[in-house]
Amino acid sequence: MSDHDREAGWAAAFGSNPGEHPLRVGVRGRAAWLASVTLGGQGRYAAAAALVWPVINGTDPVLAALAAATLAAHRRQLGGHAAARELDALGLRRLAAAGLVAGKRSPQDQRAARAAGGTDAAAARSDVLLGLAADAIGLGRLGEARALIGIESASGDGGWRAEIKRGWVAAEVELAAGHPAAAEAPARAAAAAARRSPSVRLLAKSRLVLGVVLAGTGDRAGAVAEITTCLRESITHGMVPLRWPSRIVLADLEPERASEHRSAAGNDLDCVLRHADPVGRALATASPWVPTSGFDLGPNR
């Protein structure tokens, strides 16, 4: 793979071009992982799963953990927190078996990690630990989620993606605990870190998380502004999985447009489910977190 292709793959997965259609034929290893990240961000979950499973089962433990965390995130986005937990745990086991779980990086290692662009062992470790924390929130295990966030943040060396995700998960656990005011600081920290990052997708999701938190604190205007911006970016860049939750929250915040928002959310969710693999569709249908029963979805959901 040429340097140009590597750069394009990274820009699509974690940079300025999340709407790019990645190569899906003849890609493997790091390229396959990046392509699966991009495809998942577009809601093309079946295509992402097809690419990422060989990486999960491959010989490189770091890539395997990154890939497992990616597929776990896609399962979680479809409401499958228990299935995601198994994948995040698999990623952690791969790192542990290779002796890559504990220990801080030296300054030299940190420089190498920055050059690796978030594909080193510490970044993978943060991905799976924060993924396990998010899984625990969805399963109602808030104490476990807090413990996992603490374990991950103690090293403080997971990189810029971890900084953003740590804020998301910390905000989500406070929301789940019924403490929206306590969720605001980590949500704002995630948004600030995302603004410093190259990632259009992570910034858009950070706006959604912050918007939900602001809605919980009673700042309706602030919530509408953040979520509307997330929705606009998700439409511009083809990030369908961010559209339907944005519209559902906006339906509550803008009751005069509730019918419009809910109808559009149904179309977005239908699109996501039509591009999911059978496992993903089954998880969404069974999940209390995904409102499949509330919309007129297509027959193949």
C-alpha atoms as a PDB file:
ATOM      1  CA  MET A   1       0.000   0.000   0.000  1.00  0.00           C
ATOM      2  CA  SER A   2       1.343   3.415  -0.956  1.00  0.00           C
ATOM      3  CA  ASP A   3       1.869   6.265   1.511  1.00  0.00           C
ATOM      4  CA  HIS A   4      -0.996   8.088  -0.225  1.00  0.00           C
ATOM      5  CA  ASP A   5      -3.333   5.153   0.388  1.00  0.00           C
ATOM      6  CA  ARG A   6      -2.260   4.956   4.031  1.00  0.00           C
ATOM      7  CA  GLU A   7      -2.904   8.671   4.477  1.00  0.00           C
ATOM      8  CA  ALA A   8      -6.293   8.414   2.757  1.00  0.00           C
ATOM      9  CA  GLY A   9      -7.270   5.465   4.946  1.00  0.00           C
ATOM     10  CA  TRP A  10      -6.392   7.367   8.103  1.00  0.00           C
ATOM     11  CA  ALA A  11      -8.169  10.541   6.950  1.00  0.00           C
ATOM     12  CA  ALA A  12     -11.327   8.537   6.307  1.00  0.00           C
ATOM     13  CA  ALA A  13     -11.221   6.686   9.616  1.00  0.00           C
ATOM     14  CA  PHE A  14      -9.998   9.398  11.977  1.00  0.00           C
ATOM     15  CA  GLY A  15      -9.515  12.561   9.977  1.00  0.00           C
ATOM     16  CA  SER A  16     -11.207  15.046   7.715  1.00  0.00           C
ATOM     17  CA  ASN A  17     -12.840  12.728   5.184  1.00  0.00           C
ATOM     18  CA  PRO A  18     -15.171  10.277   6.987  1.00  0.00           C
ATOM     19  CA  GLY A  19     -17.467  10.028   3.975  1.00  0.00           C
ATOM     20  CA  GLU A  20     -14.808   8.448   1.765  1.00  0.00           C
ATOM     21  CA  HIS A  21     -15.656   4.993   0.425  1.00  0.00           C
ATOM     22  CA  PRO A  22     -12.648   2.857   1.374  1.00  0.00           C
ATOM     23  CA  LEU A  23     -11.169   0.000  -0.610  1.00  0.00           C
ATOM     24  CA  ARG A  24     -12.743  -3.303   0.425  1.00  0.00           C
ATOM     25  CA  VAL A  25     -11.032  -5.787  -1.880  1.00  0.00           C
ATOM     26  CA  GLY A  26      -7.542  -7.065  -1.195  1.00  0.00           C
ATOM     27  CA  VAL A  27      -7.082  -5.054   2.004  1.00  0.00           C
ATOM     28  CA  ARG A  28      -5.801  -6.640   5.190  1.00  0.00           C
ATOM     29  CA  GLY A  29      -4.164  -5.797   8.485  1.00  0.00           C
ATOM     30  CA  ARG A  30      -4.039  -2.120   9.398  1.00  0.00           C
ATOM     31  CA  ALA A  31      -5.718  -1.076   6.138  1.00  0.00           C
ATOM     32  CA  ALA A  32      -8.626  -3.436   6.787  1.00  0.00           C
ATOM     33  CA  TRP A  33      -9.011  -2.114  10.328  1.00  0.00           C
ATOM     34  CA  LEU A  34      -9.054   1.505   9.132  1.00  0.00           C
ATOM     35  CA  ALA A  35     -11.561   0.636   6.405  1.00  0.00           C
ATOM     36  CA  SER A  36     -13.815  -1.051   8.958  1.00  0.00           C
ATOM     37  CA  VAL A  37     -13.670   2.044  11.186  1.00  0.00           C
ATOM     38  CA  THR A  38     -14.714   4.182   8.228  1.00  0.00           C
ATOM     39  CA  LEU A  39     -17.492   1.833   7.120  1.00  0.00           C
ATOM     40  CA  GLY A  40     -18.879   1.628  10.651  1.00  0.00           C
ATOM     41  CA  GLY A  41     -18.889   5.413  10.899  1.00  0.00           C
ATOM     42  CA  GLN A  42     -21.072   5.430   7.789  1.00  0.00           C
ATOM     43  CA  GLY A  43     -23.397   2.775   9.180  1.00  0.00           C
ATOM     44  CA  ARG A  44     -22.224   0.095   6.781  1.00  0.00           C
ATOM     45  CA  TYR A  45     -21.875  -2.447   9.538  1.00  0.00           C
ATOM     46  CA  ALA A  46     -22.034  -5.628   7.472  1.00  0.00           C
ATOM     47  CA  ALA A  47     -19.177  -4.510   5.240  1.00  0.00           C
ATOM     48  CA  ALA A  48     -17.200  -3.420   8.283  1.00  0.00           C
ATOM     49  CA  ALA A  49     -17.683  -6.769  10.025  1.00  0.00           C
ATOM     50  CA  ALA A  50     -16.561  -8.691   6.954  1.00  0.00           C
ATOM     51  CA  LEU A  51     -13.295  -6.756   6.874  1.00  0.00           C
ATOM     52  CA  VAL A  52     -12.553  -6.667  10.583  1.00  0.00           C
ATOM     53  CA  TRP A  53     -13.025 -10.312  11.592  1.00  0.00           C
ATOM     54  CA  PRO A  54      -9.830 -11.505   9.849  1.00  0.00           C
ATOM     55  CA  VAL A  55      -7.900  -8.782  11.685  1.00  0.00           C
ATOM     56  CA  ILE A  56      -9.386  -9.850  15.028  1.00  0.00           C
ATOM     57  CA  ASN A  57      -8.300 -13.414  14.300  1.00  0.00           C
ATOM     58  CA  GLY A  58      -4.880 -12.394  12.975  1.00  0.00           C
ATOM     59  CA  THR A  59      -1.452 -12.766  14.526  1.00  0.00           C
ATOM     60  CA  ASP A  60      -0.821  -9.126  15.491  1.00  0.00           C
ATOM     61  CA  PRO A  61      -2.219  -8.682  19.030  1.00  0.00           C
ATOM     62  CA  VAL A  62      -2.350  -4.872  18.847  1.00  0.00           C
ATOM     63  CA  LEU A  63      -4.262  -4.814  15.577  1.00  0.00           C
ATOM     64  CA  ALA A  64      -6.471  -7.616  16.868  1.00  0.00           C
ATOM     65  CA  ALA A  65      -7.355  -5.564  19.948  1.00  0.00           C
ATOM     66  CA  LEU A  66      -7.993  -2.420  17.884  1.00  0.00           C
ATOM     67  CA  ALA A  67     -10.187  -4.415  15.527  1.00  0.00           C
ATOM     68  CA  ALA A  68     -12.080  -6.111  18.363  1.00  0.00           C
ATOM     69  CA  ALA A  69     -12.762  -2.720  19.963  1.00  0.00           C
ATOM     70  CA  THR A  70     -14.005  -1.416  16.612  1.00  0.00           C
ATOM     71  CA  LEU A  71     -16.475  -4.253  16.072  1.00  0.00           C
ATOM     72  CA  ALA A  72     -17.522  -3.921  19.727  1.00  0.00           C
ATOM     73  CA  ALA A  73     -18.319  -0.241  19.119  1.00  0.00           C
ATOM     74  CA  HIS A  74     -20.458  -1.171  16.117  1.00  0.00           C
ATOM     75  CA  ARG A  75     -22.352  -3.772  18.165  1.00  0.00           C
ATOM     76  CA  ARG A  76     -22.824  -1.231  20.949  1.00  0.00           C
ATOM     77  CA  GLN A  77     -24.160   1.356  18.491  1.00  0.00           C
ATOM     78  CA  LEU A  78     -26.843  -1.199  17.618  1.00  0.00           C
ATOM     79  CA  GLY A  79     -27.673  -1.705  21.292  1.00  0.00           C
ATOM     80  CA  GLY A  80     -25.730  -4.948  21.713  1.00  0.00           C
ATOM     81  CA  HIS A  81     -23.803  -4.151  24.869  1.00  0.00           C
ATOM     82  CA  ALA A  82     -23.399  -7.771  25.975  1.00  0.00           C
ATOM     83  CA  ALA A  83     -22.067  -8.790  22.560  1.00  0.00           C
ATOM     84  CA  ALA A  84     -19.757  -5.779  22.589  1.00  0.00           C
ATOM     85  CA  ARG A  85     -18.471  -6.761  26.018  1.00  0.00           C
ATOM     86  CA  GLU A  86     -17.334 -10.140  24.671  1.00  0.00           C
ATOM     87  CA  LEU A  87     -15.401  -8.452  21.863  1.00  0.00           C
ATOM     88  CA  ASP A  88     -13.762  -5.837  24.084  1.00  0.00           C
ATOM     89  CA  ALA A  89     -12.785  -8.604  26.504  1.00  0.00           C
ATOM     90  CA  LEU A  90     -11.309 -10.577  23.612  1.00  0.00           C
ATOM     91  CA  GLY A  91      -9.213  -7.557  22.652  1.00  0.00           C
ATOM     92  CA  LEU A  92      -7.976  -7.180  26.224  1.00  0.00           C
ATOM     93  CA  ARG A  93      -7.078 -10.873  26.369  1.00  0.00           C
ATOM     94  CA  ARG A  94      -5.045 -10.580  23.163  1.00  0.00           C
ATOM     95  CA  LEU A  95      -3.058  -7.714  24.665  1.00  0.00           C
ATOM     96  CA  ALA A  96      -2.607  -9.515  27.979  1.00  0.00           C
ATOM     97  CA  ALA A  97      -1.379 -12.679  26.289  1.00  0.00           C
ATOM     98  CA  ALA A  98       1.275 -10.602  24.536  1.00  0.00           C
ATOM     99  CA  GLY A  99       2.302  -8.833  27.754  1.00  0.00           C
ATOM    100  CA  LEU A 100       0.998  -5.477  26.496  1.00  0.00           C
ATOM    101  CA  VAL A 101      -1.481  -4.507  29.196  1.00  0.00           C
ATOM    102  CA  ALA A 102       0.429  -2.898  32.058  1.00  0.00           C
ATOM    103  CA  GLY A 103       3.049  -0.193  32.312  1.00  0.00           C
ATOM    104  CA  LYS A 104       3.529   3.386  31.206  1.00  0.00           C
ATOM    105  CA  ARG A 105       5.434   4.344  28.113  1.00  0.00           C
ATOM    106  CA  SER A 106       8.821   5.973  28.204  1.00  0.00           C
ATOM    107  CA  PRO A 107       9.271   9.354  26.470  1.00  0.00           C
ATOM    108  CA  GLN A 108      10.815   7.495  23.534  1.00  0.00           C
ATOM    109  CA  ASP A 109       7.826   5.154  23.393  1.00  0.00           C
ATOM    110  CA  GLN A 110       5.477   8.137  23.509  1.00  0.00           C
ATOM    111  CA  ARG A 111       7.212   9.689  20.499  1.00  0.00           C
ATOM    112  CA  ALA A 112       6.898   6.382  18.661  1.00  0.00           C
ATOM    113  CA  ALA A 113       3.223   6.217  19.617  1.00  0.00           C
ATOM    114  CA  ARG A 114       2.543   9.655  18.157  1.00  0.00           C
ATOM    115  CA  ALA A 115       4.222   8.533  14.956  1.00  0.00           C
ATOM    116  CA  ALA A 116       2.031   5.406  14.946  1.00  0.00           C
ATOM    117  CA  GLY A 117      -1.052   7.598  14.974  1.00  0.00           C
ATOM    118  CA  GLY A 118      -3.021   5.832  17.673  1.00  0.00           C
ATOM    119  CA  THR A 119      -2.311   2.285  16.542  1.00  0.00           C
ATOM    120  CA  ASP A 120       0.120   1.318  19.298  1.00  0.00           C
ATOM    121  CA  ALA A 121      -0.500  -1.009  22.234  1.00  0.00           C
ATOM    122  CA  ALA A 122      -1.400   1.766  24.692  1.00  0.00           C
ATOM    123  CA  ALA A 123      -4.041   3.146  22.340  1.00  0.00           C
ATOM    124  CA  ALA A 124      -5.448  -0.351  21.869  1.00  0.00           C
ATOM    125  CA  ARG A 125      -5.483  -0.862  25.631  1.00  0.00           C
ATOM    126  CA  SER A 126      -7.442   2.357  26.102  1.00  0.00           C
ATOM    127  CA  ASP A 127      -9.860   1.390  23.336  1.00  0.00           C
ATOM    128  CA  VAL A 128     -10.784  -1.923  24.925  1.00  0.00           C
ATOM    129  CA  LEU A 129     -10.905  -0.639  28.516  1.00  0.00           C
ATOM    130  CA  LEU A 130     -13.106   2.326  27.616  1.00  0.00           C
ATOM    131  CA  GLY A 131     -15.166   0.023  25.446  1.00  0.00           C
ATOM    132  CA  LEU A 132     -15.677  -2.294  28.426  1.00  0.00           C
ATOM    133  CA  ALA A 133     -16.723   0.716  30.511  1.00  0.00           C
ATOM    134  CA  ALA A 134     -19.286   1.723  27.870  1.00  0.00           C
ATOM    135  CA  ASP A 135     -20.530  -1.869  27.726  1.00  0.00           C
ATOM    136  CA  ALA A 136     -20.951  -1.856  31.503  1.00  0.00           C
ATOM    137  CA  ILE A 137     -23.038   1.330  31.351  1.00  0.00           C
ATOM    138  CA  GLY A 138     -25.405  -0.274  28.863  1.00  0.00           C
ATOM    139  CA  LEU A 139     -25.691  -3.312  31.119  1.00  0.00           C
ATOM    140  CA  GLY A 140     -26.445  -1.193  34.195  1.00  0.00           C
ATOM    141  CA  ARG A 141     -23.103  -1.891  35.910  1.00  0.00           C
ATOM    142  CA  LEU A 142     -22.188   1.668  36.777  1.00  0.00           C
ATOM    143  CA  GLY A 143     -19.699   0.794  39.527  1.00  0.00           C
ATOM    144  CA  GLU A 144     -17.839  -1.442  37.109  1.00  0.00           C
ATOM    145  CA  ALA A 145     -17.876   1.314  34.504  1.00  0.00           C
ATOM    146  CA  ARG A 146     -16.366   3.816  36.933  1.00  0.00           C
ATOM    147  CA  ALA A 147     -13.654   1.338  37.909  1.00  0.00           C
ATOM    148  CA  LEU A 148     -12.718   0.685  34.300  1.00  0.00           C
ATOM    149  CA  ILE A 149     -12.539   4.399  33.529  1.00  0.00           C
ATOM    150  CA  GLY A 150     -10.227   4.798  36.505  1.00  0.00           C
ATOM    151  CA  ILE A 151      -7.986   1.947  35.388  1.00  0.00           C
ATOM    152  CA  GLU A 152      -7.711   3.345  31.869  1.00  0.00           C
ATOM    153  CA  SER A 153      -7.145   6.946  32.929  1.00  0.00           C
ATOM    154  CA  ALA A 154      -4.447   6.006  35.455  1.00  0.00           C
ATOM    155  CA  SER A 155      -1.947   5.447  32.655  1.00  0.00           C
ATOM    156  CA  GLY A 156      -2.909   8.639  30.844  1.00  0.00           C
ATOM    157  CA  ASP A 157      -1.050   7.557  27.723  1.00  0.00           C
ATOM    158  CA  GLY A 158      -3.748   6.248  25.414  1.00  0.00           C
ATOM    159  CA  GLY A 159      -3.428   9.162  23.025  1.00  0.00           C
ATOM    160  CA  TRP A 160      -5.853  11.737  21.672  1.00  0.00           C
ATOM    161  CA  ARG A 161      -8.577   9.267  20.735  1.00  0.00           C
ATOM    162  CA  ALA A 162      -8.592   7.951  24.300  1.00  0.00           C
ATOM    163  CA  GLU A 163      -8.825  11.483  25.679  1.00  0.00           C
ATOM    164  CA  ILE A 164     -12.002  12.072  23.683  1.00  0.00           C
ATOM    165  CA  LYS A 165     -13.575   8.700  24.416  1.00  0.00           C
ATOM    166  CA  ARG A 166     -12.751   8.960  28.115  1.00  0.00           C
ATOM    167  CA  GLY A 167     -14.811  12.138  28.269  1.00  0.00           C
ATOM    168  CA  TRP A 168     -17.727  10.489  26.471  1.00  0.00           C
ATOM    169  CA  VAL A 169     -17.809   7.486  28.773  1.00  0.00           C
ATOM    170  CA  ALA A 170     -17.330   9.533  31.937  1.00  0.00           C
ATOM    171  CA  ALA A 171     -20.246  11.759  30.885  1.00  0.00           C
ATOM    172  CA  GLU A 172     -22.410   8.759  30.002  1.00  0.00           C
ATOM    173  CA  VAL A 173     -21.890   7.083  33.371  1.00  0.00           C
ATOM    174  CA  GLU A 174     -22.978  10.258  35.163  1.00  0.00           C
ATOM    175  CA  LEU A 175     -26.049  10.548  32.947  1.00  0.00           C
ATOM    176  CA  ALA A 176     -26.911   6.928  33.639  1.00  0.00           C
ATOM    177  CA  ALA A 177     -26.533   7.612  37.360  1.00  0.00           C
ATOM    178  CA  GLY A 178     -28.954  10.538  37.107  1.00  0.00           C
ATOM    179  CA  HIS A 179     -26.298  13.226  37.581  1.00  0.00           C
ATOM    180  CA  PRO A 180     -26.409  15.402  34.432  1.00  0.00           C
ATOM    181  CA  ALA A 181     -24.628  18.312  36.140  1.00  0.00           C
ATOM    182  CA  ALA A 182     -21.661  16.035  36.905  1.00  0.00           C
ATOM    183  CA  ALA A 183     -21.647  14.888  33.279  1.00  0.00           C
ATOM    184  CA  GLU A 184     -21.072  18.363  31.892  1.00  0.00           C
ATOM    185  CA  ALA A 185     -17.357  18.714  32.720  1.00  0.00           C
ATOM    186  CA  PRO A 186     -16.253  15.447  31.029  1.00  0.00           C
ATOM    187  CA  ALA A 187     -18.549  16.120  28.075  1.00  0.00           C
ATOM    188  CA  ARG A 188     -17.009  19.556  27.587  1.00  0.00           C
ATOM    189  CA  ALA A 189     -13.515  18.076  28.000  1.00  0.00           C
ATOM    190  CA  ALA A 190     -14.279  15.538  25.258  1.00  0.00           C
ATOM    191  CA  ALA A 191     -15.575  18.261  22.951  1.00  0.00           C
ATOM    192  CA  ALA A 192     -12.499  20.405  23.582  1.00  0.00           C
ATOM    193  CA  ALA A 193     -10.185  17.469  22.876  1.00  0.00           C
ATOM    194  CA  ALA A 194     -12.141  16.645  19.726  1.00  0.00           C
ATOM    195  CA  ARG A 195     -11.796  20.220  18.482  1.00  0.00           C
ATOM    196  CA  ARG A 196      -8.017  19.860  18.830  1.00  0.00           C
ATOM    197  CA  SER A 197      -8.089  16.571  16.949  1.00  0.00           C
ATOM    198  CA  PRO A 198      -8.167  15.954  13.185  1.00  0.00           C
ATOM    199  CA  SER A 199     -11.359  13.884  13.390  1.00  0.00           C
ATOM    200  CA  VAL A 200     -14.599  15.206  11.937  1.00  0.00           C
ATOM    201  CA  ARG A 201     -16.479  12.128  13.151  1.00  0.00           C
ATOM    202  CA  LEU A 202     -15.255  12.226  16.752  1.00  0.00           C
ATOM    203  CA  LEU A 203     -16.011  15.944  16.970  1.00  0.00           C
ATOM    204  CA  ALA A 204     -19.538  15.382  15.684  1.00  0.00           C
ATOM    205  CA  LYS A 205     -20.166  12.653  18.243  1.00  0.00           C
ATOM    206  CA  SER A 206     -18.669  14.825  20.973  1.00  0.00           C
ATOM    207  CA  ARG A 207     -21.214  17.495  20.088  1.00  0.00           C
ATOM    208  CA  LEU A 208     -23.992  14.917  20.364  1.00  0.00           C
ATOM    209  CA  VAL A 209     -22.783  13.764  23.787  1.00  0.00           C
ATOM    210  CA  LEU A 210     -22.478  17.353  25.006  1.00  0.00           C
ATOM    211  CA  GLY A 211     -25.893  18.191  23.593  1.00  0.00           C
ATOM    212  CA  VAL A 212     -27.533  15.315  25.445  1.00  0.00           C
ATOM    213  CA  VAL A 213     -25.823  16.406  28.661  1.00  0.00           C
ATOM    214  CA  LEU A 214     -26.942  20.014  28.213  1.00  0.00           C
ATOM    215  CA  ALA A 215     -30.489  18.811  27.622  1.00  0.00           C
ATOM    216  CA  GLY A 216     -30.254  16.991  30.937  1.00  0.00           C
ATOM    217  CA  THR A 217     -29.086  20.125  32.743  1.00  0.00           C
ATOM    218  CA  GLY A 218     -31.923  22.190  31.293  1.00  0.00           C
ATOM    219  CA  ASP A 219     -29.878  24.188  28.786  1.00  0.00           C
ATOM    220  CA  ARG A 220     -32.267  23.668  25.902  1.00  0.00           C
ATOM    221  CA  ALA A 221     -30.723  26.291  23.615  1.00  0.00           C
ATOM    222  CA  GLY A 222     -27.232  24.940  24.104  1.00  0.00           C
ATOM    223  CA  ALA A 223     -28.410  21.391  23.550  1.00  0.00           C
ATOM    224  CA  VAL A 224     -30.222  22.262  20.321  1.00  0.00           C
ATOM    225  CA  ALA A 225     -27.172  24.136  19.017  1.00  0.00           C
ATOM    226  CA  GLU A 226     -24.768  21.250  19.669  1.00  0.00           C
ATOM    227  CA  ILE A 227     -27.043  18.499  18.375  1.00  0.00           C
ATOM    228  CA  THR A 228     -28.108  20.471  15.301  1.00  0.00           C
ATOM    229  CA  THR A 229     -24.442  20.973  14.443  1.00  0.00           C
ATOM    230  CA  CYS A 230     -23.807  17.248  14.902  1.00  0.00           C
ATOM    231  CA  LEU A 231     -26.764  16.458  12.635  1.00  0.00           C
ATOM    232  CA  ARG A 232     -25.568  18.867   9.963  1.00  0.00           C
ATOM    233  CA  GLU A 233     -22.076  17.368   9.985  1.00  0.00           C
ATOM    234  CA  SER A 234     -23.446  13.823   9.925  1.00  0.00           C
ATOM    235  CA  ILE A 235     -25.527  14.644   6.843  1.00  0.00           C
ATOM    236  CA  THR A 236     -22.637  16.392   5.098  1.00  0.00           C
ATOM    237  CA  HIS A 237     -20.219  13.517   5.682  1.00  0.00           C
ATOM    238  CA  GLY A 238     -22.538  10.528   5.416  1.00  0.00           C
ATOM    239  CA  MET A 239     -22.289   9.524   9.080  1.00  0.00           C
ATOM    240  CA  VAL A 240     -25.713   7.880   9.278  1.00  0.00           C
ATOM    241  CA  PRO A 241     -25.334   6.320  12.778  1.00  0.00           C
ATOM    242  CA  LEU A 242     -25.152   9.805  14.284  1.00  0.00           C
ATOM    243  CA  ARG A 243     -28.306  10.985  12.525  1.00  0.00           C
ATOM    244  CA  TRP A 244     -31.028   8.911  14.130  1.00  0.00           C
ATOM    245  CA  PRO A 245     -30.054   9.542  17.789  1.00  0.00           C
ATOM    246  CA  SER A 246     -29.585  13.247  17.015  1.00  0.00           C
ATOM    247  CA  ARG A 247     -33.077  13.449  15.554  1.00  0.00           C
ATOM    248  CA  ILE A 248     -34.638  11.510  18.450  1.00  0.00           C
ATOM    249  CA  VAL A 249     -33.189  13.944  20.978  1.00  0.00           C
ATOM    250  CA  LEU A 250     -34.233  16.905  18.835  1.00  0.00           C
ATOM    251  CA  ALA A 251     -37.784  15.527  18.747  1.00  0.00           C
ATOM    252  CA  ASP A 252     -37.927  16.054  22.516  1.00  0.00           C
ATOM    253  CA  LEU A 253     -36.180  19.418  22.418  1.00  0.00           C
ATOM    254  CA  GLU A 254     -38.237  20.802  19.534  1.00  0.00           C
ATOM    255  CA  PRO A 255     -41.761  19.454  20.103  1.00  0.00           C
ATOM    256  CA  GLU A 256     -43.132  21.620  17.317  1.00  0.00           C
ATOM    257  CA  ARG A 257     -40.995  19.565  14.905  1.00  0.00           C
ATOM    258  CA  ALA A 258     -41.243  16.243  16.718  1.00  0.00           C
ATOM    259  CA  SER A 259     -43.126  14.450  13.948  1.00  0.00           C
ATOM    260  CA  GLU A 260     -40.607  15.604  11.343  1.00  0.00           C
ATOM    261  CA  HIS A 261     -37.633  14.546  13.457  1.00  0.00           C
ATOM    262  CA  ARG A 262     -39.106  11.148  14.314  1.00  0.00           C
ATOM    263  CA  SER A 263     -39.994  10.381  10.713  1.00  0.00           C
ATOM    264  CA  ALA A 264     -36.465  11.237   9.574  1.00  0.00           C
ATOM    265  CA  ALA A 265     -35.000   9.216  12.441  1.00  0.00           C
ATOM    266  CA  GLY A 266     -37.000   6.218  11.320  1.00  0.00           C
ATOM    267  CA  ASN A 267     -35.605   6.527   7.806  1.00  0.00           C
ATOM    268  CA  ASP A 268     -32.057   6.846   9.127  1.00  0.00           C
ATOM    269  CA  LEU A 269     -32.413   3.850  11.424  1.00  0.00           C
ATOM    270  CA  ASP A 270     -33.950   1.812   8.620  1.00  0.00           C
ATOM    271  CA  CYS A 271     -30.911   2.656   6.470  1.00  0.00           C
ATOM    272  CA  VAL A 272     -28.540   1.557   9.230  1.00  0.00           C
ATOM    273  CA  LEU A 273     -30.334  -1.740   9.795  1.00  0.00           C
ATOM    274  CA  ARG A 274     -30.477  -2.516   6.092  1.00  0.00           C
ATOM    275  CA  HIS A 275     -26.674  -2.218   5.997  1.00  0.00           C
ATOM    276  CA  ALA A 276     -26.098  -4.275   9.144  1.00  0.00           C
ATOM    277  CA  ASP A 277     -25.161  -7.938   9.205  1.00  0.00           C
ATOM    278  CA  PRO A 278     -27.723 -10.433  10.586  1.00  0.00           C
ATOM    279  CA  VAL A 279     -26.107 -10.398  14.031  1.00  0.00           C
ATOM    280  CA  GLY A 280     -26.256  -6.617  14.186  1.00  0.00           C
ATOM    281  CA  ARG A 281     -29.897  -6.504  13.069  1.00  0.00           C
ATOM    282  CA  ALA A 282     -30.869  -9.107  15.659  1.00  0.00           C
ATOM    283  CA  LEU A 283     -29.089  -7.171  18.405  1.00  0.00           C
ATOM    284  CA  ALA A 284     -30.857  -3.957  17.440  1.00  0.00           C
ATOM    285  CA  THR A 285     -34.262  -5.609  17.329  1.00  0.00           C
ATOM    286  CA  ALA A 286     -33.768  -7.133  20.785  1.00  0.00           C
ATOM    287  CA  SER A 287     -32.220  -4.064  22.388  1.00  0.00           C
ATOM    288  CA  PRO A 288     -34.102  -1.636  24.630  1.00  0.00           C
ATOM    289  CA  TRP A 289     -31.671   1.070  23.501  1.00  0.00           C
ATOM    290  CA  VAL A 290     -32.625   1.043  19.805  1.00  0.00           C
ATOM    291  CA  PRO A 291     -36.237   2.115  19.101  1.00  0.00           C
ATOM    292  CA  THR A 292     -36.922  -0.363  16.291  1.00  0.00           C
ATOM    293  CA  SER A 293     -40.470  -0.900  17.517  1.00  0.00           C
ATOM    294  CA  GLY A 294     -41.241   2.794  17.373  1.00  0.00           C
ATOM    295  CA  PHE A 295     -40.680   3.280  13.665  1.00  0.00           C
ATOM    296  CA  ASP A 296     -42.096   1.859  10.453  1.00  0.00           C
ATOM    297  CA  LEU A 297     -38.949  -0.005   9.426  1.00  0.00           C
ATOM    298  CA  GLY A 298     -38.348  -2.098   6.337  1.00  0.00           C
ATOM    299  CA  PRO A 299     -39.268  -5.791   6.305  1.00  0.00           C
ATOM    300  CA  ASN A 300     -35.659  -7.013   6.448  1.00  0.00           C
ATOM    301  CA  ARG A 301     -34.839  -5.437   9.763  1.00  0.00           C
END
